[in-house]
Amino acid sequence: MIRLAALLLMAGAARADVAAITSQNAGMLTLVQTENLEIVASTPLPGKPAAVALDAARGRVMAVAVETARLHVFDLAGNPLSDWPVAGAPFGLAIRPDTGTALVTDQAGALLREIDPATGRQLAQWPTGALPSGVAEGGGWIVVANRDGDTVTVIRGDAAQEIAVGHHPFGVTLLGARAFVTDVLSDQVSVIDLAGGRVIANIPTGERPYATAFAAGRGFVTNQYDASLTVFDEESLKVVARIETDDYPEGIAASSEGQILVANWFSDTVQVIDPVSMQVVETLDMPEGPRAFGAFTGAKAP
């Protein structure tokens, strides 16, 4: 185990990834340099944070504090830059790579809001299904998982479409023109062809899947109640393995170094997994209750 400490970034690091881990119970944001698994900073983040997104190209981390309904912005050294009130009940978070603006789901208003992180001003909003949770953006697509609607909202330009999926969809990950949506109460991942606007496959998982990440041609799904990852082939969509984890795995992301990082809420750890050998290779202690819901890794600009 690597003990929690405030360590400096290595001076010679060129494009090492940074991972931003929200700890909901402790009210903390922890930044980890993934190349050498050193903790860069651990910064107070009050208000029960869960969702987080990294905008490494612009040197920013954003996180949503659910209890206080605020969007927090930090630099990659963990220094607070700003925080803004968000209307309704904000929860899920993604960053638009072209503009650097924040996409925040509002569970009370059944809306997706676009917010300028420099001013806190709302730039746009879209209606969603009931209790929107996870959100992802890429390739001109925005996809929102509507937990209580058993649907996803797919937005492209001015057009929006509702697509039925399994029970309680929560996390969303995009890979090319496909969306992978974790259906928590159906114990499956719904695979959506975004161009065709339809579900093309359902991948069985362990109990209570939460989020998905991709590396080495494989998809990795966190199973909260099963303390495991379900691994599937990204082309055939067939399940190929199960990996045991610490207790209650939630957030998951891949680094550019080829690692899979998993935040384990009840074990207060982040585990690093080799996606080729499918073995846990390192475990880091975290402040209490790490969740890291969102795209929490990114390559820092040199």
Foldseek 3Di string as FASTA:
>chain_A
DDADDADADDPPDAWFKWFWWAFQVQQWIWIARPVVRHTNDIEHHDQRWFEKEDLQAVQWIWIARQRQQKIWIAGNSRHTDDIEHDPAGWAEWDADNVPRWIWTAHQGQQKIWTADPVPRDTDDMDHHDHRWAYWYDDPQWIWIFHQCRQWIWIDHPPDIDTEHHAHGWHYWDDDPQWIWTDRQQVQWTFIARNVVGYTDDIAHHDHGWAYWEDFPQWIWIDHQQVQWIFIAGNPVSHTDDIGHHPHGWHDWYAEPVGWIWIQHFQVQWIWIARPVVRYTDDIYHHPHGIHHRDHRMDTHHD
